[in-house]
Amino acid sequence: MPQSASTRSSSRRSDGGGSGSGVTSLSFNGGPALTGALSIRSPMLANTGASPIRIDNGNVKYLTPADTIVGIDVDLNQSFELQLDRATALMSAPTASIITTPRDGEKITFTFKQFSETVRAITWATGAGAYVFALASSAGVTLAQFNAQMALLVAGGTAGALLKISFEYNSDLDRWYASGLAGVWQTT
């Protein structure tokens, strides 16, 4: 009889499953158990001690509108959304609750959602661990390009319109550099 398309897994812990214990065997779809030391490589796992790794719950983190936007924890999320409901907002530098240093090449994305026709301005934290924009468009996303798209978002005046910008971490610069910009688009 063919196996079902869904995957079920089970695991056993060597010490009865208490906190801090490790999985010693895995089985899938009732197949033979894999035993011994298991090495799992995924950006979606929790810090287990000696070899810290990141969690990404796969969901968008909705940031709380404020004059200074905080809660940008890159260990827990890589996608953030902010509803623009005030004249200006400073995007604080990302933090890391599990690992103190971001990985080279790690990416985060911000989606800005228009709330009304009020003028909006986003400023970005600068310095070590913060954001940086290209000096010329041939090198990447410039601050002028982002500001022009933000102006279009506001000028459209359509509640629900979106603007996305992505950043990638560069360990040599110790900065999140603007790596992608999706122009204004409407969801309805």
N, C-alpha and C. Protein backbone atom coordinates (compact mmCIF):
# COMPACT_ATOMS: atom_id res chain seq x y z
N MET A 1 0.84 -1.17 0.00
CA MET A 1 0.00 0.00 0.00
C MET A 1 0.89 1.24 0.00
N PRO A 2 0.63 2.25 -0.88
CA PRO A 2 1.49 3.43 -0.94
C PRO A 2 1.36 4.28 0.33
N GLN A 3 2.48 4.94 0.66
CA GLN A 3 2.48 5.82 1.82
C GLN A 3 1.71 7.09 1.50
N SER A 4 1.17 7.69 2.53
CA SER A 4 0.44 8.94 2.35
C SER A 4 1.41 10.05 1.99
N ALA A 5 0.89 11.10 1.33
CA ALA A 5 1.74 12.22 0.92
C ALA A 5 2.15 13.06 2.12
N SER A 6 1.41 13.00 3.22
CA SER A 6 1.77 13.81 4.37
C SER A 6 2.93 13.15 5.11
N THR A 7 3.69 13.96 5.79
CA THR A 7 4.83 13.45 6.54
C THR A 7 4.55 13.58 8.02
N ARG A 8 4.69 12.49 8.74
CA ARG A 8 4.58 12.50 10.19
C ARG A 8 5.96 12.17 10.73
N SER A 9 6.25 12.76 11.84
CA SER A 9 7.53 12.42 12.44
C SER A 9 7.35 12.14 13.92
N SER A 10 8.23 11.39 14.47
CA SER A 10 8.25 11.17 15.90
C SER A 10 9.70 11.21 16.33
N SER A 11 9.89 11.49 17.59
CA SER A 11 11.25 11.52 18.11
C SER A 11 11.26 10.98 19.53
N ARG A 12 12.41 10.49 19.94
CA ARG A 12 12.62 10.04 21.31
C ARG A 12 13.80 10.80 21.88
N ARG A 13 13.67 11.11 23.14
CA ARG A 13 14.76 11.78 23.82
C ARG A 13 15.47 10.76 24.71
N SER A 14 16.75 10.94 24.88
CA SER A 14 17.53 9.98 25.65
C SER A 14 17.25 10.08 27.15
N ASP A 15 16.74 11.20 27.61
CA ASP A 15 16.57 11.37 29.06
C ASP A 15 15.12 11.59 29.45
N GLY A 16 14.19 11.15 28.65
CA GLY A 16 12.79 11.29 29.00
C GLY A 16 12.18 12.59 28.53
N GLY A 17 12.92 13.44 27.84
CA GLY A 17 12.34 14.64 27.24
C GLY A 17 12.36 15.87 28.10
N GLY A 18 13.17 15.92 29.12
CA GLY A 18 13.23 17.10 29.96
C GLY A 18 13.87 18.26 29.24
N SER A 19 13.81 19.42 29.87
CA SER A 19 14.39 20.63 29.29
C SER A 19 15.89 20.45 29.07
N GLY A 20 16.37 20.86 27.91
CA GLY A 20 17.79 20.79 27.60
C GLY A 20 18.23 19.45 27.05
N SER A 21 17.29 18.51 26.95
CA SER A 21 17.68 17.21 26.42
C SER A 21 17.76 17.26 24.91
N GLY A 22 18.39 16.25 24.33
CA GLY A 22 18.54 16.21 22.89
C GLY A 22 17.75 15.08 22.26
N VAL A 23 17.33 15.27 21.03
CA VAL A 23 16.65 14.22 20.30
C VAL A 23 17.69 13.18 19.89
N THR A 24 17.39 11.90 20.14
CA THR A 24 18.33 10.84 19.78
C THR A 24 17.87 10.01 18.60
N SER A 25 16.59 10.10 18.22
CA SER A 25 16.14 9.37 17.04
C SER A 25 14.96 10.07 16.40
N LEU A 26 14.84 9.91 15.10
CA LEU A 26 13.75 10.47 14.32
C LEU A 26 13.23 9.40 13.39
N SER A 27 11.92 9.42 13.13
CA SER A 27 11.38 8.53 12.10
C SER A 27 10.31 9.30 11.33
N PHE A 28 10.18 8.99 10.06
CA PHE A 28 9.24 9.68 9.18
C PHE A 28 8.32 8.65 8.53
N ASN A 29 7.01 8.94 8.53
CA ASN A 29 6.02 8.05 7.90
C ASN A 29 6.16 6.60 8.33
N GLY A 30 6.49 6.41 9.59
CA GLY A 30 6.58 5.04 10.09
C GLY A 30 7.79 4.28 9.59
N GLY A 31 8.70 4.96 8.90
CA GLY A 31 9.90 4.32 8.37
C GLY A 31 10.90 4.03 9.49
N PRO A 32 12.06 3.51 9.12
CA PRO A 32 13.06 3.19 10.13
C PRO A 32 13.54 4.45 10.84
N ALA A 33 13.82 4.31 12.10
CA ALA A 33 14.29 5.45 12.90
C ALA A 33 15.72 5.78 12.57
N LEU A 34 16.02 7.06 12.50
CA LEU A 34 17.39 7.54 12.37
C LEU A 34 17.89 7.75 13.78
N THR A 35 19.03 7.21 14.12
CA THR A 35 19.53 7.33 15.49
C THR A 35 20.94 7.88 15.50
N GLY A 36 21.38 8.24 16.68
CA GLY A 36 22.74 8.75 16.86
C GLY A 36 22.74 10.26 16.92
N ALA A 37 23.89 10.84 16.72
CA ALA A 37 24.01 12.30 16.73
C ALA A 37 23.37 12.85 15.48
N LEU A 38 22.47 13.79 15.66
CA LEU A 38 21.76 14.39 14.53
C LEU A 38 22.26 15.81 14.32
N SER A 39 22.54 16.15 13.11
CA SER A 39 22.93 17.51 12.76
C SER A 39 21.84 18.08 11.87
N ILE A 40 21.19 19.12 12.34
CA ILE A 40 20.11 19.74 11.58
C ILE A 40 20.53 21.16 11.23
N ARG A 41 20.53 21.46 9.96
CA ARG A 41 20.91 22.80 9.50
C ARG A 41 19.66 23.49 8.98
N SER A 42 19.26 24.55 9.66
CA SER A 42 18.06 25.29 9.27
C SER A 42 18.12 26.67 9.89
N PRO A 43 17.64 27.70 9.18
CA PRO A 43 17.57 29.03 9.78
C PRO A 43 16.37 29.16 10.71
N MET A 44 15.61 28.09 10.93
CA MET A 44 14.38 28.17 11.70
C MET A 44 14.45 27.37 13.00
N LEU A 45 15.59 27.30 13.63
CA LEU A 45 15.74 26.55 14.86
C LEU A 45 16.14 27.48 16.00
N ALA A 46 15.90 27.04 17.21
CA ALA A 46 16.21 27.84 18.40
C ALA A 46 17.65 27.64 18.85
N ASN A 47 18.11 28.55 19.68
CA ASN A 47 19.42 28.45 20.28
C ASN A 47 19.43 27.26 21.24
N THR A 48 20.35 26.34 21.03
CA THR A 48 20.41 25.15 21.88
C THR A 48 21.66 25.13 22.74
N GLY A 49 22.38 26.20 22.81
CA GLY A 49 23.53 26.24 23.70
C GLY A 49 24.84 26.47 22.99
N ALA A 50 25.65 25.43 22.87
CA ALA A 50 27.00 25.56 22.36
C ALA A 50 27.05 26.10 20.93
N SER A 51 26.12 25.72 20.10
CA SER A 51 26.08 26.18 18.71
C SER A 51 24.79 26.97 18.47
N PRO A 52 24.78 28.24 18.82
CA PRO A 52 23.54 29.01 18.67
C PRO A 52 23.12 29.13 17.21
N ILE A 53 21.84 28.98 16.98
CA ILE A 53 21.27 29.14 15.65
C ILE A 53 20.00 29.96 15.77
N ARG A 54 19.53 30.51 14.65
CA ARG A 54 18.41 31.43 14.67
C ARG A 54 17.06 30.73 14.52
N ILE A 55 16.04 31.44 14.98
CA ILE A 55 14.65 31.07 14.75
C ILE A 55 14.11 32.08 13.75
N ASP A 56 13.35 31.63 12.79
CA ASP A 56 12.53 32.53 11.97
C ASP A 56 11.18 31.88 11.92
N ASN A 57 10.21 32.48 12.58
CA ASN A 57 8.91 31.84 12.65
C ASN A 57 8.16 31.89 11.34
N GLY A 58 8.74 32.50 10.31
CA GLY A 58 8.11 32.54 9.00
C GLY A 58 6.98 33.53 8.89
N ASN A 59 6.72 34.26 9.93
CA ASN A 59 5.63 35.23 9.92
C ASN A 59 6.16 36.65 9.82
N VAL A 60 5.28 37.54 9.45
CA VAL A 60 5.60 38.96 9.43
C VAL A 60 5.43 39.49 10.85
N LYS A 61 6.39 40.25 11.32
CA LYS A 61 6.26 40.93 12.61
C LYS A 61 5.69 42.31 12.33
N TYR A 62 4.55 42.61 12.93
CA TYR A 62 3.92 43.92 12.78
C TYR A 62 4.52 44.83 13.84
N LEU A 63 5.25 45.82 13.37
CA LEU A 63 5.92 46.76 14.27
C LEU A 63 4.91 47.78 14.79
N THR A 64 5.08 48.19 16.03
CA THR A 64 4.20 49.17 16.65
C THR A 64 4.58 50.56 16.18
N PRO A 65 3.63 51.30 15.57
CA PRO A 65 3.93 52.67 15.13
C PRO A 65 4.37 53.52 16.32
N ALA A 66 5.43 54.29 16.14
CA ALA A 66 5.97 55.16 17.18
C ALA A 66 6.95 56.12 16.51
N ASP A 67 7.44 57.08 17.26
CA ASP A 67 8.45 57.99 16.71
C ASP A 67 9.75 57.24 16.44
N THR A 68 10.08 56.29 17.30
CA THR A 68 11.23 55.41 17.07
C THR A 68 10.71 53.98 17.05
N ILE A 69 10.97 53.30 15.94
CA ILE A 69 10.47 51.94 15.75
C ILE A 69 11.48 50.96 16.35
N VAL A 70 11.04 50.16 17.31
CA VAL A 70 11.88 49.16 17.95
C VAL A 70 11.24 47.78 17.73
N GLY A 71 11.90 46.75 18.19
CA GLY A 71 11.36 45.39 18.07
C GLY A 71 11.78 44.70 16.80
N ILE A 72 12.85 45.19 16.17
CA ILE A 72 13.35 44.59 14.93
C ILE A 72 14.39 43.54 15.32
N ASP A 73 13.90 42.38 15.77
CA ASP A 73 14.76 41.29 16.24
C ASP A 73 14.98 40.32 15.08
N VAL A 74 16.17 40.34 14.51
CA VAL A 74 16.47 39.53 13.33
C VAL A 74 16.67 38.05 13.66
N ASP A 75 16.75 37.70 14.92
CA ASP A 75 16.82 36.29 15.29
C ASP A 75 15.44 35.63 15.24
N LEU A 76 14.39 36.42 15.36
CA LEU A 76 13.04 35.87 15.40
C LEU A 76 12.26 36.09 14.12
N ASN A 77 12.55 37.13 13.38
CA ASN A 77 11.84 37.44 12.14
C ASN A 77 12.78 38.03 11.12
N GLN A 78 12.46 37.85 9.86
CA GLN A 78 13.18 38.52 8.79
C GLN A 78 12.26 39.41 7.96
N SER A 79 11.00 39.45 8.32
CA SER A 79 10.02 40.25 7.58
C SER A 79 9.23 41.09 8.58
N PHE A 80 9.18 42.41 8.31
CA PHE A 80 8.54 43.34 9.23
C PHE A 80 7.59 44.25 8.46
N GLU A 81 6.47 44.63 9.11
CA GLU A 81 5.53 45.55 8.48
C GLU A 81 5.22 46.68 9.45
N LEU A 82 5.12 47.89 8.88
CA LEU A 82 4.81 49.07 9.67
C LEU A 82 3.71 49.86 8.97
N GLN A 83 2.64 50.14 9.70
CA GLN A 83 1.59 51.01 9.17
C GLN A 83 2.01 52.45 9.44
N LEU A 84 2.02 53.26 8.39
CA LEU A 84 2.48 54.64 8.50
C LEU A 84 1.35 55.51 9.04
N ASP A 85 1.38 55.80 10.33
CA ASP A 85 0.30 56.59 10.93
C ASP A 85 0.80 57.86 11.62
N ARG A 86 2.03 58.24 11.34
CA ARG A 86 2.58 59.47 11.92
C ARG A 86 3.49 60.14 10.90
N ALA A 87 3.83 61.38 11.16
CA ALA A 87 4.58 62.17 10.18
C ALA A 87 5.98 61.61 9.94
N THR A 88 6.68 61.22 11.00
CA THR A 88 8.03 60.69 10.84
C THR A 88 8.23 59.49 11.76
N ALA A 89 9.15 58.64 11.38
CA ALA A 89 9.51 57.50 12.22
C ALA A 89 10.98 57.17 11.97
N LEU A 90 11.70 56.91 13.03
CA LEU A 90 13.09 56.48 12.95
C LEU A 90 13.12 54.96 13.09
N MET A 91 13.66 54.29 12.09
CA MET A 91 13.82 52.85 12.15
C MET A 91 15.09 52.55 12.95
N SER A 92 14.93 51.97 14.14
CA SER A 92 16.10 51.67 14.96
C SER A 92 16.90 50.53 14.33
N ALA A 93 18.13 50.40 14.76
CA ALA A 93 18.98 49.32 14.25
C ALA A 93 18.42 47.99 14.70
N PRO A 94 18.54 46.96 13.87
CA PRO A 94 18.07 45.63 14.26
C PRO A 94 18.81 45.12 15.49
N THR A 95 18.11 44.31 16.26
CA THR A 95 18.71 43.67 17.43
C THR A 95 18.71 42.16 17.20
N ALA A 96 19.40 41.45 18.08
CA ALA A 96 19.45 39.99 18.00
C ALA A 96 19.33 39.45 19.42
N SER A 97 18.23 38.74 19.70
CA SER A 97 18.00 38.24 21.06
C SER A 97 18.72 36.93 21.35
N ILE A 98 19.13 36.22 20.31
CA ILE A 98 19.77 34.92 20.51
C ILE A 98 21.25 34.98 20.17
N ILE A 99 21.55 35.51 19.01
CA ILE A 99 22.93 35.63 18.55
C ILE A 99 23.25 37.11 18.45
N THR A 100 24.37 37.53 18.99
CA THR A 100 24.66 38.95 19.04
C THR A 100 25.14 39.54 17.72
N THR A 101 25.64 38.71 16.81
CA THR A 101 26.14 39.21 15.54
C THR A 101 25.34 38.61 14.39
N PRO A 102 24.77 39.44 13.52
CA PRO A 102 24.05 38.89 12.36
C PRO A 102 25.01 38.11 11.46
N ARG A 103 24.46 37.20 10.69
CA ARG A 103 25.26 36.42 9.73
C ARG A 103 25.49 37.23 8.47
N ASP A 104 26.64 37.08 7.88
CA ASP A 104 26.95 37.72 6.61
C ASP A 104 25.95 37.22 5.56
N GLY A 105 25.29 38.14 4.86
CA GLY A 105 24.32 37.77 3.84
C GLY A 105 22.91 37.60 4.35
N GLU A 106 22.69 37.69 5.65
CA GLU A 106 21.33 37.58 6.20
C GLU A 106 20.48 38.73 5.67
N LYS A 107 19.21 38.45 5.38
CA LYS A 107 18.33 39.45 4.77
C LYS A 107 17.13 39.75 5.66
N ILE A 108 16.71 41.00 5.63
CA ILE A 108 15.48 41.42 6.28
C ILE A 108 14.70 42.29 5.31
N THR A 109 13.37 42.29 5.45
CA THR A 109 12.51 43.07 4.57
C THR A 109 11.52 43.87 5.40
N PHE A 110 11.35 45.13 5.01
CA PHE A 110 10.35 45.99 5.63
C PHE A 110 9.27 46.31 4.62
N THR A 111 8.02 46.22 5.06
CA THR A 111 6.89 46.65 4.24
C THR A 111 6.25 47.83 4.96
N PHE A 112 6.13 48.94 4.24
CA PHE A 112 5.47 50.12 4.79
C PHE A 112 4.08 50.19 4.17
N LYS A 113 3.08 50.34 5.02
CA LYS A 113 1.69 50.35 4.57
C LYS A 113 1.10 51.74 4.80
N GLN A 114 0.56 52.32 3.73
CA GLN A 114 -0.02 53.66 3.81
C GLN A 114 -1.28 53.64 4.65
N PHE A 115 -1.42 54.64 5.53
CA PHE A 115 -2.57 54.76 6.41
C PHE A 115 -3.51 55.87 5.95
N SER A 116 -2.94 57.00 5.53
CA SER A 116 -3.74 58.14 5.08
C SER A 116 -2.89 59.01 4.16
N GLU A 117 -3.38 60.20 3.83
CA GLU A 117 -2.66 61.07 2.91
C GLU A 117 -1.66 62.00 3.58
N THR A 118 -1.44 61.83 4.86
CA THR A 118 -0.50 62.68 5.60
C THR A 118 0.92 62.43 5.12
N VAL A 119 1.72 63.49 5.10
CA VAL A 119 3.12 63.35 4.68
C VAL A 119 3.84 62.42 5.65
N ARG A 120 4.62 61.52 5.10
CA ARG A 120 5.37 60.55 5.90
C ARG A 120 6.85 60.62 5.55
N ALA A 121 7.67 60.41 6.55
CA ALA A 121 9.11 60.33 6.32
C ALA A 121 9.67 59.24 7.23
N ILE A 122 10.47 58.39 6.65
CA ILE A 122 11.16 57.35 7.41
C ILE A 122 12.63 57.73 7.44
N THR A 123 13.19 57.74 8.62
CA THR A 123 14.64 57.92 8.74
C THR A 123 15.21 56.61 9.28
N TRP A 124 16.48 56.40 9.03
CA TRP A 124 17.12 55.13 9.34
C TRP A 124 18.27 55.35 10.30
N ALA A 125 18.36 54.51 11.32
CA ALA A 125 19.51 54.56 12.23
C ALA A 125 20.78 54.35 11.41
N THR A 126 21.84 54.98 11.83
CA THR A 126 23.13 54.87 11.14
C THR A 126 24.18 54.37 12.13
N GLY A 127 25.34 54.04 11.62
CA GLY A 127 26.43 53.57 12.47
C GLY A 127 26.52 52.06 12.47
N ALA A 128 27.42 51.56 13.30
CA ALA A 128 27.66 50.11 13.37
C ALA A 128 26.38 49.36 13.67
N GLY A 129 26.12 48.30 12.92
CA GLY A 129 24.95 47.46 13.12
C GLY A 129 23.65 48.03 12.57
N ALA A 130 23.72 49.21 11.97
CA ALA A 130 22.51 49.87 11.47
C ALA A 130 22.43 49.78 9.95
N TYR A 131 21.80 50.74 9.32
CA TYR A 131 21.49 50.69 7.89
C TYR A 131 22.43 51.58 7.09
N VAL A 132 22.64 51.20 5.83
CA VAL A 132 23.42 52.01 4.91
C VAL A 132 22.81 51.87 3.52
N PHE A 133 22.84 52.98 2.79
CA PHE A 133 22.32 53.01 1.42
C PHE A 133 23.49 53.25 0.47
N ALA A 134 23.33 52.83 -0.78
CA ALA A 134 24.36 53.02 -1.79
C ALA A 134 24.50 54.50 -2.11
N LEU A 135 25.70 54.90 -2.50
CA LEU A 135 25.94 56.29 -2.90
C LEU A 135 25.47 56.54 -4.33
N ALA A 136 25.45 55.48 -5.16
CA ALA A 136 25.00 55.59 -6.55
C ALA A 136 24.10 54.41 -6.86
N SER A 137 23.11 54.62 -7.72
CA SER A 137 22.16 53.55 -8.02
C SER A 137 22.83 52.36 -8.70
N SER A 138 23.96 52.58 -9.33
CA SER A 138 24.67 51.46 -9.96
C SER A 138 25.22 50.49 -8.91
N ALA A 139 25.35 50.96 -7.66
CA ALA A 139 25.89 50.13 -6.60
C ALA A 139 24.80 49.50 -5.72
N GLY A 140 23.55 49.88 -5.91
CA GLY A 140 22.46 49.36 -5.08
C GLY A 140 21.38 50.39 -4.90
N VAL A 141 20.61 50.25 -3.85
CA VAL A 141 19.49 51.14 -3.57
C VAL A 141 20.01 52.37 -2.84
N THR A 142 19.70 53.54 -3.38
CA THR A 142 20.12 54.79 -2.74
C THR A 142 19.00 55.30 -1.83
N LEU A 143 19.37 56.14 -0.89
CA LEU A 143 18.38 56.76 -0.01
C LEU A 143 17.43 57.64 -0.83
N ALA A 144 17.95 58.31 -1.86
CA ALA A 144 17.10 59.14 -2.71
C ALA A 144 16.05 58.29 -3.42
N GLN A 145 16.41 57.09 -3.87
CA GLN A 145 15.44 56.21 -4.52
C GLN A 145 14.35 55.79 -3.52
N PHE A 146 14.76 55.44 -2.31
CA PHE A 146 13.77 55.06 -1.30
C PHE A 146 12.85 56.23 -1.01
N ASN A 147 13.41 57.43 -0.79
CA ASN A 147 12.60 58.60 -0.48
C ASN A 147 11.64 58.94 -1.61
N ALA A 148 12.07 58.77 -2.87
CA ALA A 148 11.19 59.03 -4.02
C ALA A 148 10.02 58.05 -4.02
N GLN A 149 10.28 56.78 -3.72
CA GLN A 149 9.19 55.80 -3.66
C GLN A 149 8.26 56.08 -2.47
N MET A 150 8.82 56.53 -1.36
CA MET A 150 7.99 56.91 -0.20
C MET A 150 7.09 58.08 -0.57
N ALA A 151 7.62 59.04 -1.31
CA ALA A 151 6.81 60.18 -1.75
C ALA A 151 5.66 59.72 -2.65
N LEU A 152 5.93 58.76 -3.54
CA LEU A 152 4.87 58.21 -4.39
C LEU A 152 3.81 57.49 -3.55
N LEU A 153 4.24 56.78 -2.54
CA LEU A 153 3.31 56.08 -1.66
C LEU A 153 2.36 57.07 -1.00
N VAL A 154 2.91 58.17 -0.50
CA VAL A 154 2.11 59.19 0.17
C VAL A 154 1.25 59.95 -0.83
N ALA A 155 1.82 60.30 -1.99
CA ALA A 155 1.07 61.08 -3.00
C ALA A 155 -0.13 60.30 -3.51
N GLY A 156 0.00 58.98 -3.59
CA GLY A 156 -1.12 58.16 -4.04
C GLY A 156 -2.30 58.27 -3.10
N GLY A 157 -2.01 58.46 -1.81
CA GLY A 157 -3.04 58.68 -0.82
C GLY A 157 -4.01 57.52 -0.63
N THR A 158 -3.68 56.37 -1.16
CA THR A 158 -4.59 55.23 -1.06
C THR A 158 -4.22 54.40 0.15
N ALA A 159 -5.14 54.34 1.11
CA ALA A 159 -4.90 53.51 2.28
C ALA A 159 -4.69 52.07 1.83
N GLY A 160 -3.71 51.41 2.40
CA GLY A 160 -3.42 50.03 2.05
C GLY A 160 -2.33 49.87 1.01
N ALA A 161 -1.91 50.96 0.36
CA ALA A 161 -0.81 50.86 -0.61
C ALA A 161 0.47 50.47 0.14
N LEU A 162 1.35 49.73 -0.53
CA LEU A 162 2.53 49.17 0.12
C LEU A 162 3.82 49.57 -0.58
N LEU A 163 4.89 49.64 0.18
CA LEU A 163 6.25 49.86 -0.31
C LEU A 163 7.15 48.90 0.44
N LYS A 164 8.00 48.16 -0.29
CA LYS A 164 8.91 47.20 0.36
C LYS A 164 10.36 47.58 0.09
N ILE A 165 11.17 47.38 1.13
CA ILE A 165 12.61 47.55 0.98
C ILE A 165 13.30 46.41 1.73
N SER A 166 14.36 45.90 1.11
CA SER A 166 15.12 44.79 1.71
C SER A 166 16.53 45.25 2.04
N PHE A 167 17.06 44.65 3.09
CA PHE A 167 18.44 44.92 3.51
C PHE A 167 19.16 43.60 3.66
N GLU A 168 20.47 43.62 3.41
CA GLU A 168 21.31 42.44 3.57
C GLU A 168 22.49 42.82 4.45
N TYR A 169 22.82 41.93 5.39
CA TYR A 169 23.91 42.24 6.32
C TYR A 169 25.26 41.98 5.68
N ASN A 170 26.19 42.93 5.87
CA ASN A 170 27.55 42.79 5.39
C ASN A 170 28.47 42.90 6.60
N SER A 171 29.14 41.80 6.93
CA SER A 171 29.98 41.79 8.13
C SER A 171 31.20 42.69 8.01
N ASP A 172 31.72 42.88 6.79
CA ASP A 172 32.87 43.78 6.63
C ASP A 172 32.49 45.22 6.96
N LEU A 173 31.27 45.60 6.59
CA LEU A 173 30.79 46.96 6.89
C LEU A 173 30.15 47.06 8.28
N ASP A 174 29.75 45.91 8.84
CA ASP A 174 28.94 45.87 10.06
C ASP A 174 27.71 46.75 9.88
N ARG A 175 27.06 46.59 8.72
CA ARG A 175 25.87 47.37 8.37
C ARG A 175 24.89 46.48 7.61
N TRP A 176 23.62 46.89 7.65
CA TRP A 176 22.56 46.31 6.81
C TRP A 176 22.45 47.22 5.60
N TYR A 177 22.88 46.76 4.43
CA TYR A 177 22.84 47.63 3.26
C TYR A 177 21.56 47.38 2.46
N ALA A 178 21.01 48.46 1.94
CA ALA A 178 19.78 48.38 1.15
C ALA A 178 20.06 47.59 -0.12
N SER A 179 19.38 46.46 -0.28
CA SER A 179 19.67 45.58 -1.40
C SER A 179 18.52 45.43 -2.38
N GLY A 180 17.35 45.89 -2.02
CA GLY A 180 16.21 45.76 -2.94
C GLY A 180 15.10 46.72 -2.58
N LEU A 181 14.42 47.21 -3.61
CA LEU A 181 13.33 48.16 -3.40
C LEU A 181 12.21 47.81 -4.37
N ALA A 182 11.05 47.49 -3.83
CA ALA A 182 9.87 47.22 -4.66
C ALA A 182 9.02 48.49 -4.62
N GLY A 183 8.77 49.06 -5.77
CA GLY A 183 8.00 50.30 -5.84
C GLY A 183 6.62 50.15 -5.24
N VAL A 184 5.90 51.24 -5.22
CA VAL A 184 4.58 51.29 -4.61
C VAL A 184 3.62 50.38 -5.35
N TRP A 185 2.86 49.61 -4.60
CA TRP A 185 1.84 48.78 -5.20
C TRP A 185 0.63 48.73 -4.29
N GLN A 186 -0.51 48.47 -4.89
CA GLN A 186 -1.79 48.49 -4.20
C GLN A 186 -2.27 47.07 -3.96
N THR A 187 -2.84 46.82 -2.78
CA THR A 187 -3.29 45.46 -2.46
C THR A 187 -4.71 45.18 -2.90
N THR A 188 -5.50 46.20 -3.17
CA THR A 188 -6.89 45.96 -3.56
C THR A 188 -7.16 46.44 -4.96
